[in-house]
Amino acid sequence: CLGLQLLFESSDESEGVKGLGLLKGKIVEIPKNNGLKVPHMGWNSIK
């Protein structure tokens, strides 16, 4: 969970805070205008 996000360089959740920087990618907020509840909570399938 958050342990995945911390492996990356930063997150839009906490501007100016550096992550562990072990992998490259963006941590961004799930859009709240798509008709789905945020947080994303519950069961979902993965590809």
All heavy atoms as atom14 arrays in JSON, in Angstrom:
{
  "sequence": "CLGLQLLFESSDESEGVKGLGLLKGKIVEIPKNNGLKVPHMGWNSIK",
  "atom14_mask": [
    [1, 1, 1, 1, 1, 1, 0, 0, 0, 0, 0, 0, 0, 0],
    [1, 1, 1, 1, 1, 1, 1, 1, 0, 0, 0, 0, 0, 0],
    [1, 1, 1, 1, 0, 0, 0, 0, 0, 0, 0, 0, 0, 0],
    [1, 1, 1, 1, 1, 1, 1, 1, 0, 0, 0, 0, 0, 0],
    [1, 1, 1, 1, 1, 1, 1, 1, 1, 0, 0, 0, 0, 0],
    [1, 1, 1, 1, 1, 1, 1, 1, 0, 0, 0, 0, 0, 0],
    [1, 1, 1, 1, 1, 1, 1, 1, 0, 0, 0, 0, 0, 0],
    [1, 1, 1, 1, 1, 1, 1, 1, 1, 1, 1, 0, 0, 0],
    [1, 1, 1, 1, 1, 1, 1, 1, 1, 0, 0, 0, 0, 0],
    [1, 1, 1, 1, 1, 1, 0, 0, 0, 0, 0, 0, 0, 0],
    [1, 1, 1, 1, 1, 1, 0, 0, 0, 0, 0, 0, 0, 0],
    [1, 1, 1, 1, 1, 1, 1, 1, 0, 0, 0, 0, 0, 0],
    [1, 1, 1, 1, 1, 1, 1, 1, 1, 0, 0, 0, 0, 0],
    [1, 1, 1, 1, 1, 1, 0, 0, 0, 0, 0, 0, 0, 0],
    [1, 1, 1, 1, 1, 1, 1, 1, 1, 0, 0, 0, 0, 0],
    [1, 1, 1, 1, 0, 0, 0, 0, 0, 0, 0, 0, 0, 0],
    [1, 1, 1, 1, 1, 1, 1, 0, 0, 0, 0, 0, 0, 0],
    [1, 1, 1, 1, 1, 1, 1, 1, 1, 0, 0, 0, 0, 0],
    [1, 1, 1, 1, 0, 0, 0, 0, 0, 0, 0, 0, 0, 0],
    [1, 1, 1, 1, 1, 1, 1, 1, 0, 0, 0, 0, 0, 0],
    [1, 1, 1, 1, 0, 0, 0, 0, 0, 0, 0, 0, 0, 0],
    [1, 1, 1, 1, 1, 1, 1, 1, 0, 0, 0, 0, 0, 0],
    [1, 1, 1, 1, 1, 1, 1, 1, 0, 0, 0, 0, 0, 0],
    [1, 1, 1, 1, 1, 1, 1, 1, 1, 0, 0, 0, 0, 0],
    [1, 1, 1, 1, 0, 0, 0, 0, 0, 0, 0, 0, 0, 0],
    [1, 1, 1, 1, 1, 1, 1, 1, 1, 0, 0, 0, 0, 0],
    [1, 1, 1, 1, 1, 1, 1, 1, 0, 0, 0, 0, 0, 0],
    [1, 1, 1, 1, 1, 1, 1, 0, 0, 0, 0, 0, 0, 0],
    [1, 1, 1, 1, 1, 1, 1, 1, 1, 0, 0, 0, 0, 0],
    [1, 1, 1, 1, 1, 1, 1, 1, 0, 0, 0, 0, 0, 0],
    [1, 1, 1, 1, 1, 1, 1, 0, 0, 0, 0, 0, 0, 0],
    [1, 1, 1, 1, 1, 1, 1, 1, 1, 0, 0, 0, 0, 0],
    [1, 1, 1, 1, 1, 1, 1, 1, 0, 0, 0, 0, 0, 0],
    [1, 1, 1, 1, 1, 1, 1, 1, 0, 0, 0, 0, 0, 0],
    [1, 1, 1, 1, 0, 0, 0, 0, 0, 0, 0, 0, 0, 0],
    [1, 1, 1, 1, 1, 1, 1, 1, 0, 0, 0, 0, 0, 0],
    [1, 1, 1, 1, 1, 1, 1, 1, 1, 0, 0, 0, 0, 0],
    [1, 1, 1, 1, 1, 1, 1, 0, 0, 0, 0, 0, 0, 0],
    [1, 1, 1, 1, 1, 1, 1, 0, 0, 0, 0, 0, 0, 0],
    [1, 1, 1, 1, 1, 1, 1, 1, 1, 1, 0, 0, 0, 0],
    [1, 1, 1, 1, 1, 1, 1, 1, 0, 0, 0, 0, 0, 0],
    [1, 1, 1, 1, 0, 0, 0, 0, 0, 0, 0, 0, 0, 0],
    [1, 1, 1, 1, 1, 1, 1, 1, 1, 1, 1, 1, 1, 1],
    [1, 1, 1, 1, 1, 1, 1, 1, 0, 0, 0, 0, 0, 0],
    [1, 1, 1, 1, 1, 1, 0, 0, 0, 0, 0, 0, 0, 0],
    [1, 1, 1, 1, 1, 1, 1, 1, 0, 0, 0, 0, 0, 0],
    [1, 1, 1, 1, 1, 1, 1, 1, 1, 0, 0, 0, 0, 0]
  ],
  "atom14_positions": [
    [[0.84, -1.2, 0.0], [0.0, 0.0, 0.0], [0.88, 1.25, 0.0], [1.59, 1.5, -0.96], [-0.97, -0.04, 1.18], [-2.31, 1.19, 1.03], [0.0, 0.0, 0.0], [0.0, 0.0, 0.0], [0.0, 0.0, 0.0], [0.0, 0.0, 0.0], [0.0, 0.0, 0.0], [0.0, 0.0, 0.0], [0.0, 0.0, 0.0], [0.0, 0.0, 0.0]],
    [[0.87, 2.03, 1.07], [1.75, 3.19, 1.13], [3.21, 2.78, 0.97], [4.03, 3.54, 0.47], [1.54, 3.93, 2.46], [2.37, 5.19, 2.69], [2.09, 6.24, 1.63], [2.12, 5.74, 4.08], [0.0, 0.0, 0.0], [0.0, 0.0, 0.0], [0.0, 0.0, 0.0], [0.0, 0.0, 0.0], [0.0, 0.0, 0.0], [0.0, 0.0, 0.0]],
    [[3.52, 1.54, 1.38], [4.87, 1.02, 1.22], [5.31, 0.95, -0.23], [6.51, 1.01, -0.52], [0.0, 0.0, 0.0], [0.0, 0.0, 0.0], [0.0, 0.0, 0.0], [0.0, 0.0, 0.0], [0.0, 0.0, 0.0], [0.0, 0.0, 0.0], [0.0, 0.0, 0.0], [0.0, 0.0, 0.0], [0.0, 0.0, 0.0], [0.0, 0.0, 0.0]],
    [[4.37, 0.82, -1.16], [4.69, 0.92, -2.59], [5.01, 2.37, -2.94], [6.02, 2.65, -3.57], [3.53, 0.42, -3.44], [3.67, 0.58, -4.97], [3.01, -0.57, -5.7], [3.06, 1.9, -5.47], [0.0, 0.0, 0.0], [0.0, 0.0, 0.0], [0.0, 0.0, 0.0], [0.0, 0.0, 0.0], [0.0, 0.0, 0.0], [0.0, 0.0, 0.0]],
    [[4.17, 3.29, -2.54], [4.34, 4.69, -2.92], [5.65, 5.27, -2.39], [6.31, 6.07, -3.06], [3.15, 5.51, -2.41], [1.83, 5.07, -3.04], [0.64, 5.83, -2.49], [0.79, 6.89, -1.88], [-0.56, 5.3, -2.71], [0.0, 0.0, 0.0], [0.0, 0.0, 0.0], [0.0, 0.0, 0.0], [0.0, 0.0, 0.0], [0.0, 0.0, 0.0]],
    [[6.06, 4.84, -1.2], [7.28, 5.36, -0.59], [8.54, 4.97, -1.35], [9.59, 5.62, -1.19], [7.39, 4.87, 0.86], [6.31, 5.36, 1.83], [6.41, 4.62, 3.15], [6.42, 6.86, 2.04], [0.0, 0.0, 0.0], [0.0, 0.0, 0.0], [0.0, 0.0, 0.0], [0.0, 0.0, 0.0], [0.0, 0.0, 0.0], [0.0, 0.0, 0.0]],
    [[8.46, 3.96, -2.2], [9.62, 3.54, -2.98], [9.96, 4.56, -4.07], [11.06, 4.53, -4.63], [9.36, 2.18, -3.63], [9.1, 1.0, -2.7], [8.82, -0.25, -3.51], [10.28, 0.78, -1.75], [0.0, 0.0, 0.0], [0.0, 0.0, 0.0], [0.0, 0.0, 0.0], [0.0, 0.0, 0.0], [0.0, 0.0, 0.0], [0.0, 0.0, 0.0]],
    [[9.04, 5.47, -4.35], [9.22, 6.42, -5.44], [9.76, 7.76, -4.93], [9.99, 7.93, -3.74], [7.92, 6.56, -6.22], [7.59, 5.3, -6.97], [6.97, 4.22, -6.35], [7.98, 5.15, -8.29], [6.72, 3.03, -7.03], [7.73, 3.96, -8.98], [7.11, 2.91, -8.35], [0.0, 0.0, 0.0], [0.0, 0.0, 0.0], [0.0, 0.0, 0.0]],
    [[10.0, 8.68, -5.84], [10.73, 9.9, -5.5], [9.92, 10.92, -4.72], [10.45, 11.63, -3.87], [11.27, 10.54, -6.79], [12.27, 9.65, -7.52], [12.55, 10.1, -8.95], [11.58, 10.41, -9.68], [13.73, 10.15, -9.31], [0.0, 0.0, 0.0], [0.0, 0.0, 0.0], [0.0, 0.0, 0.0], [0.0, 0.0, 0.0], [0.0, 0.0, 0.0]],
    [[8.62, 10.99, -4.99], [7.78, 11.99, -4.33], [6.32, 11.63, -4.56], [6.0, 10.71, -5.31], [8.07, 13.39, -4.88], [7.76, 13.46, -6.26], [0.0, 0.0, 0.0], [0.0, 0.0, 0.0], [0.0, 0.0, 0.0], [0.0, 0.0, 0.0], [0.0, 0.0, 0.0], [0.0, 0.0, 0.0], [0.0, 0.0, 0.0], [0.0, 0.0, 0.0]],
    [[5.43, 12.39, -3.9], [4.0, 12.18, -4.06], [3.29, 13.53, -4.05], [3.65, 14.43, -3.28], [3.45, 11.32, -2.92], [2.04, 11.3, -2.93], [0.0, 0.0, 0.0], [0.0, 0.0, 0.0], [0.0, 0.0, 0.0], [0.0, 0.0, 0.0], [0.0, 0.0, 0.0], [0.0, 0.0, 0.0], [0.0, 0.0, 0.0], [0.0, 0.0, 0.0]],
    [[2.27, 13.65, -4.89], [1.45, 14.87, -4.89], [0.74, 15.07, -3.55], [0.28, 16.18, -3.25], [0.41, 14.81, -6.0], [1.02, 15.02, -7.38], [2.24, 15.32, -7.45], [0.3, 14.89, -8.39], [0.0, 0.0, 0.0], [0.0, 0.0, 0.0], [0.0, 0.0, 0.0], [0.0, 0.0, 0.0], [0.0, 0.0, 0.0], [0.0, 0.0, 0.0]],
    [[0.66, 14.02, -2.74], [0.0, 14.12, -1.44], [0.78, 15.03, -0.49], [0.19, 15.67, 0.38], [-0.16, 12.73, -0.83], [-0.88, 12.73, 0.5], [-1.07, 11.34, 1.07], [-0.35, 10.41, 0.65], [-1.93, 11.18, 1.94], [0.0, 0.0, 0.0], [0.0, 0.0, 0.0], [0.0, 0.0, 0.0], [0.0, 0.0, 0.0], [0.0, 0.0, 0.0]],
    [[2.11, 15.04, -0.63], [2.96, 15.76, 0.31], [4.05, 16.5, -0.47], [5.16, 15.98, -0.64], [3.59, 14.79, 1.32], [2.61, 14.01, 1.98], [0.0, 0.0, 0.0], [0.0, 0.0, 0.0], [0.0, 0.0, 0.0], [0.0, 0.0, 0.0], [0.0, 0.0, 0.0], [0.0, 0.0, 0.0], [0.0, 0.0, 0.0], [0.0, 0.0, 0.0]],
    [[3.72, 17.68, -0.92], [4.65, 18.45, -1.74], [5.93, 18.78, -0.96], [5.89, 19.14, 0.21], [3.99, 19.75, -2.22], [2.91, 19.52, -3.26], [2.41, 20.84, -3.84], [3.1, 21.85, -3.68], [1.31, 20.83, -4.44], [0.0, 0.0, 0.0], [0.0, 0.0, 0.0], [0.0, 0.0, 0.0], [0.0, 0.0, 0.0], [0.0, 0.0, 0.0]],
    [[7.05, 18.63, -1.64], [8.33, 18.95, -1.03], [8.95, 17.84, -0.22], [10.09, 17.97, 0.24], [0.0, 0.0, 0.0], [0.0, 0.0, 0.0], [0.0, 0.0, 0.0], [0.0, 0.0, 0.0], [0.0, 0.0, 0.0], [0.0, 0.0, 0.0], [0.0, 0.0, 0.0], [0.0, 0.0, 0.0], [0.0, 0.0, 0.0], [0.0, 0.0, 0.0]],
    [[8.23, 16.74, -0.03], [8.75, 15.61, 0.74], [9.35, 14.59, -0.22], [8.68, 14.14, -1.16], [7.63, 14.94, 1.58], [8.18, 13.72, 2.31], [7.05, 15.94, 2.56], [0.0, 0.0, 0.0], [0.0, 0.0, 0.0], [0.0, 0.0, 0.0], [0.0, 0.0, 0.0], [0.0, 0.0, 0.0], [0.0, 0.0, 0.0], [0.0, 0.0, 0.0]],
    [[10.58, 14.24, 0.01], [11.24, 13.25, -0.83], [10.96, 11.84, -0.34], [11.02, 11.58, 0.86], [12.75, 13.5, -0.85], [13.16, 14.78, -1.56], [14.69, 14.91, -1.6], [15.1, 16.17, -2.34], [16.58, 16.33, -2.38], [0.0, 0.0, 0.0], [0.0, 0.0, 0.0], [0.0, 0.0, 0.0], [0.0, 0.0, 0.0], [0.0, 0.0, 0.0]],
    [[10.64, 10.94, -1.29], [10.49, 9.54, -0.96], [11.83, 8.83, -0.97], [12.89, 9.45, -0.97], [0.0, 0.0, 0.0], [0.0, 0.0, 0.0], [0.0, 0.0, 0.0], [0.0, 0.0, 0.0], [0.0, 0.0, 0.0], [0.0, 0.0, 0.0], [0.0, 0.0, 0.0], [0.0, 0.0, 0.0], [0.0, 0.0, 0.0], [0.0, 0.0, 0.0]],
    [[11.79, 7.51, -0.98], [13.02, 6.73, -0.95], [13.78, 6.8, -2.27], [14.99, 6.57, -2.31], [12.7, 5.27, -0.6], [12.12, 5.06, 0.81], [11.59, 3.64, 0.97], [13.16, 5.37, 1.88], [0.0, 0.0, 0.0], [0.0, 0.0, 0.0], [0.0, 0.0, 0.0], [0.0, 0.0, 0.0], [0.0, 0.0, 0.0], [0.0, 0.0, 0.0]],
    [[13.07, 7.11, -3.36], [13.73, 7.31, -4.64], [14.35, 6.07, -5.25], [15.3, 6.16, -6.03], [0.0, 0.0, 0.0], [0.0, 0.0, 0.0], [0.0, 0.0, 0.0], [0.0, 0.0, 0.0], [0.0, 0.0, 0.0], [0.0, 0.0, 0.0], [0.0, 0.0, 0.0], [0.0, 0.0, 0.0], [0.0, 0.0, 0.0], [0.0, 0.0, 0.0]],
    [[13.79, 4.91, -4.94], [14.34, 3.66, -5.47], [13.81, 3.33, -6.86], [14.44, 2.58, -7.6], [14.02, 2.5, -4.5], [14.64, 2.63, -3.11], [14.06, 1.6, -2.17], [16.15, 2.49, -3.19], [0.0, 0.0, 0.0], [0.0, 0.0, 0.0], [0.0, 0.0, 0.0], [0.0, 0.0, 0.0], [0.0, 0.0, 0.0], [0.0, 0.0, 0.0]],
    [[12.66, 3.89, -7.21], [12.05, 3.66, -8.51], [11.54, 4.99, -9.07], [11.31, 5.94, -8.31], [10.89, 2.66, -8.4], [11.23, 1.23, -7.94], [9.96, 0.45, -7.64], [12.08, 0.52, -8.98], [0.0, 0.0, 0.0], [0.0, 0.0, 0.0], [0.0, 0.0, 0.0], [0.0, 0.0, 0.0], [0.0, 0.0, 0.0], [0.0, 0.0, 0.0]],
    [[11.36, 5.03, -10.39], [10.87, 6.24, -11.04], [9.4, 6.09, -11.42], [8.99, 5.07, -11.96], [11.7, 6.54, -12.27], [13.14, 6.94, -11.95], [13.91, 7.27, -13.22], [15.34, 7.7, -12.9], [16.1, 8.03, -14.13], [0.0, 0.0, 0.0], [0.0, 0.0, 0.0], [0.0, 0.0, 0.0], [0.0, 0.0, 0.0], [0.0, 0.0, 0.0]],
    [[8.62, 7.13, -11.14], [7.2, 7.13, -11.45], [6.54, 8.25, -10.67], [7.17, 8.89, -9.82], [0.0, 0.0, 0.0], [0.0, 0.0, 0.0], [0.0, 0.0, 0.0], [0.0, 0.0, 0.0], [0.0, 0.0, 0.0], [0.0, 0.0, 0.0], [0.0, 0.0, 0.0], [0.0, 0.0, 0.0], [0.0, 0.0, 0.0], [0.0, 0.0, 0.0]],
    [[5.26, 8.51, -10.94], [4.54, 9.59, -10.27], [3.5, 9.0, -9.32], [2.8, 8.04, -9.66], [3.82, 10.45, -11.31], [4.73, 11.1, -12.34], [3.9, 11.84, -13.38], [4.78, 12.46, -14.46], [3.95, 13.12, -15.5], [0.0, 0.0, 0.0], [0.0, 0.0, 0.0], [0.0, 0.0, 0.0], [0.0, 0.0, 0.0], [0.0, 0.0, 0.0]],
    [[3.4, 9.59, -8.13], [2.31, 9.25, -7.21], [1.33, 10.42, -7.24], [1.66, 11.54, -6.83], [2.83, 9.02, -5.78], [3.94, 7.95, -5.77], [1.68, 8.62, -4.86], [3.51, 6.58, -6.26], [0.0, 0.0, 0.0], [0.0, 0.0, 0.0], [0.0, 0.0, 0.0], [0.0, 0.0, 0.0], [0.0, 0.0, 0.0], [0.0, 0.0, 0.0]],
    [[0.14, 10.17, -7.77], [-0.83, 11.24, -7.99], [-2.17, 10.86, -7.37], [-2.43, 9.69, -7.04], [-1.01, 11.52, -9.5], [0.31, 11.99, -10.11], [-1.52, 10.28, -10.23], [0.0, 0.0, 0.0], [0.0, 0.0, 0.0], [0.0, 0.0, 0.0], [0.0, 0.0, 0.0], [0.0, 0.0, 0.0], [0.0, 0.0, 0.0], [0.0, 0.0, 0.0]],
    [[-3.05, 11.86, -7.24], [-4.35, 11.63, -6.6], [-5.35, 11.03, -7.58], [-5.39, 11.41, -8.76], [-4.9, 12.93, -6.04], [-6.13, 12.75, -5.17], [-6.53, 14.02, -4.45], [-5.99, 15.1, -4.78], [-7.39, 13.93, -3.55], [0.0, 0.0, 0.0], [0.0, 0.0, 0.0], [0.0, 0.0, 0.0], [0.0, 0.0, 0.0], [0.0, 0.0, 0.0]],
    [[-6.15, 10.1, -7.1], [-7.23, 9.56, -7.91], [-8.23, 10.69, -8.19], [-8.67, 11.37, -7.25], [-7.94, 8.39, -7.19], [-6.97, 7.23, -6.98], [-9.16, 7.92, -7.98], [-7.54, 6.11, -6.11], [0.0, 0.0, 0.0], [0.0, 0.0, 0.0], [0.0, 0.0, 0.0], [0.0, 0.0, 0.0], [0.0, 0.0, 0.0], [0.0, 0.0, 0.0]],
    [[-8.59, 10.92, -9.44], [-9.54, 12.01, -9.76], [-10.87, 11.84, -9.02], [-11.4, 10.73, -8.92], [-9.72, 11.89, -11.27], [-8.51, 11.17, -11.75], [-8.13, 10.22, -10.65], [0.0, 0.0, 0.0], [0.0, 0.0, 0.0], [0.0, 0.0, 0.0], [0.0, 0.0, 0.0], [0.0, 0.0, 0.0], [0.0, 0.0, 0.0], [0.0, 0.0, 0.0]],
    [[-11.4, 12.96, -8.54], [-12.66, 12.9, -7.79], [-13.86, 13.28, -8.65], [-14.98, 13.35, -8.15], [-12.57, 13.85, -6.58], [-11.53, 13.41, -5.57], [-11.43, 14.38, -4.41], [-10.4, 13.9, -3.4], [-10.23, 14.86, -2.27], [0.0, 0.0, 0.0], [0.0, 0.0, 0.0], [0.0, 0.0, 0.0], [0.0, 0.0, 0.0], [0.0, 0.0, 0.0]],
    [[-13.62, 13.5, -9.94], [-14.71, 13.92, -10.82], [-15.13, 12.82, -11.8], [-15.71, 13.09, -12.84], [-14.29, 15.16, -11.61], [-13.03, 14.92, -12.46], [-12.42, 13.87, -12.38], [-12.67, 15.91, -13.26], [0.0, 0.0, 0.0], [0.0, 0.0, 0.0], [0.0, 0.0, 0.0], [0.0, 0.0, 0.0], [0.0, 0.0, 0.0], [0.0, 0.0, 0.0]],
    [[-14.8, 11.56, -11.47], [-15.14, 10.48, -12.4], [-16.35, 9.67, -11.95], [-16.62, 8.6, -12.49], [-13.92, 9.55, -12.6], [-13.44, 8.94, -11.29], [-14.14, 8.98, -10.29], [-12.26, 8.35, -11.31], [0.0, 0.0, 0.0], [0.0, 0.0, 0.0], [0.0, 0.0, 0.0], [0.0, 0.0, 0.0], [0.0, 0.0, 0.0], [0.0, 0.0, 0.0]],
    [[-17.06, 10.16, -10.94], [-18.27, 9.49, -10.48], [-18.02, 8.35, -9.51], [-18.97, 7.71, -9.04], [0.0, 0.0, 0.0], [0.0, 0.0, 0.0], [0.0, 0.0, 0.0], [0.0, 0.0, 0.0], [0.0, 0.0, 0.0], [0.0, 0.0, 0.0], [0.0, 0.0, 0.0], [0.0, 0.0, 0.0], [0.0, 0.0, 0.0], [0.0, 0.0, 0.0]],
    [[-16.76, 8.11, -9.17], [-16.41, 7.05, -8.24], [-15.97, 7.65, -6.91], [-15.4, 8.74, -6.86], [-15.29, 6.19, -8.81], [-15.62, 5.45, -10.13], [-14.38, 4.81, -10.7], [-16.71, 4.42, -9.89], [0.0, 0.0, 0.0], [0.0, 0.0, 0.0], [0.0, 0.0, 0.0], [0.0, 0.0, 0.0], [0.0, 0.0, 0.0], [0.0, 0.0, 0.0]],
    [[-16.22, 6.93, -5.84], [-15.84, 7.42, -4.52], [-14.34, 7.33, -4.32], [-13.68, 6.4, -4.76], [-16.55, 6.6, -3.43], [-18.06, 6.81, -3.38], [-18.68, 6.0, -2.25], [-20.18, 6.22, -2.19], [-20.8, 5.42, -1.09], [0.0, 0.0, 0.0], [0.0, 0.0, 0.0], [0.0, 0.0, 0.0], [0.0, 0.0, 0.0], [0.0, 0.0, 0.0]],
    [[-13.79, 8.34, -3.66], [-12.39, 8.36, -3.28], [-12.36, 8.49, -1.75], [-13.02, 9.38, -1.21], [-11.63, 9.53, -3.95], [-10.18, 9.55, -3.48], [-11.72, 9.41, -5.47], [0.0, 0.0, 0.0], [0.0, 0.0, 0.0], [0.0, 0.0, 0.0], [0.0, 0.0, 0.0], [0.0, 0.0, 0.0], [0.0, 0.0, 0.0], [0.0, 0.0, 0.0]],
    [[-11.66, 7.61, -1.04], [-10.67, 6.67, -1.55], [-11.26, 5.47, -2.29], [-12.44, 5.16, -2.13], [-9.95, 6.2, -0.27], [-10.97, 6.36, 0.81], [-11.73, 7.59, 0.46], [0.0, 0.0, 0.0], [0.0, 0.0, 0.0], [0.0, 0.0, 0.0], [0.0, 0.0, 0.0], [0.0, 0.0, 0.0], [0.0, 0.0, 0.0], [0.0, 0.0, 0.0]],
    [[-10.44, 4.87, -3.11], [-10.73, 3.59, -3.75], [-10.64, 2.55, -2.64], [-9.57, 2.24, -2.14], [-9.67, 3.35, -4.84], [-9.72, 1.99, -5.46], [-8.59, 1.41, -6.01], [-10.72, 1.1, -5.64], [-8.9, 0.22, -6.5], [-10.2, 0.02, -6.28], [0.0, 0.0, 0.0], [0.0, 0.0, 0.0], [0.0, 0.0, 0.0], [0.0, 0.0, 0.0]],
    [[-11.8, 2.03, -2.24], [-11.84, 1.11, -1.09], [-12.68, -0.11, -1.44], [-13.82, 0.02, -1.86], [-12.44, 1.82, 0.13], [-12.49, 0.95, 1.38], [-13.24, 1.83, 2.79], [-12.08, 3.18, 3.02], [0.0, 0.0, 0.0], [0.0, 0.0, 0.0], [0.0, 0.0, 0.0], [0.0, 0.0, 0.0], [0.0, 0.0, 0.0], [0.0, 0.0, 0.0]],
    [[-12.08, -1.27, -1.29], [-12.8, -2.51, -1.54], [-12.06, -3.4, -2.53], [-10.88, -3.2, -2.82], [0.0, 0.0, 0.0], [0.0, 0.0, 0.0], [0.0, 0.0, 0.0], [0.0, 0.0, 0.0], [0.0, 0.0, 0.0], [0.0, 0.0, 0.0], [0.0, 0.0, 0.0], [0.0, 0.0, 0.0], [0.0, 0.0, 0.0], [0.0, 0.0, 0.0]],
    [[-12.79, -4.37, -3.06], [-12.2, -5.39, -3.93], [-12.19, -4.93, -5.38], [-13.15, -4.33, -5.86], [-12.98, -6.69, -3.81], [-12.89, -7.29, -2.43], [-13.67, -6.97, -1.36], [-11.97, -8.27, -1.99], [-13.28, -7.71, -0.27], [-12.26, -8.52, -0.63], [-10.93, -8.98, -2.61], [-11.53, -9.44, 0.12], [-10.21, -9.9, -1.88], [-10.51, -10.13, -0.53]],
    [[-11.09, -5.21, -6.06], [-10.99, -4.89, -7.48], [-10.07, -5.93, -8.14], [-9.16, -6.47, -7.49], [-10.43, -3.48, -7.67], [-10.87, -2.86, -8.98], [-11.36, -3.55, -9.88], [-10.69, -1.56, -9.12], [0.0, 0.0, 0.0], [0.0, 0.0, 0.0], [0.0, 0.0, 0.0], [0.0, 0.0, 0.0], [0.0, 0.0, 0.0], [0.0, 0.0, 0.0]],
    [[-10.32, -6.17, -9.41], [-9.5, -7.15, -10.13], [-8.25, -6.49, -10.69], [-8.23, -5.28, -10.93], [-10.31, -7.8, -11.26], [-10.69, -6.82, -12.21], [0.0, 0.0, 0.0], [0.0, 0.0, 0.0], [0.0, 0.0, 0.0], [0.0, 0.0, 0.0], [0.0, 0.0, 0.0], [0.0, 0.0, 0.0], [0.0, 0.0, 0.0], [0.0, 0.0, 0.0]],
    [[-7.22, -7.27, -10.91], [-5.97, -6.75, -11.45], [-5.63, -7.46, -12.76], [-5.99, -8.62, -12.97], [-4.8, -6.89, -10.46], [-4.41, -8.36, -10.24], [-5.17, -6.25, -9.11], [-3.13, -8.55, -9.45], [0.0, 0.0, 0.0], [0.0, 0.0, 0.0], [0.0, 0.0, 0.0], [0.0, 0.0, 0.0], [0.0, 0.0, 0.0], [0.0, 0.0, 0.0]],
    [[-4.96, -6.73, -13.63], [-4.48, -7.27, -14.91], [-2.98, -7.44, -14.82], [-2.24, -6.47, -14.62], [-4.85, -6.31, -16.05], [-4.45, -6.81, -17.43], [-5.27, -8.01, -17.84], [-4.94, -8.45, -19.25], [-5.66, -9.69, -19.62], [0.0, 0.0, 0.0], [0.0, 0.0, 0.0], [0.0, 0.0, 0.0], [0.0, 0.0, 0.0], [0.0, 0.0, 0.0]]
  ]
}
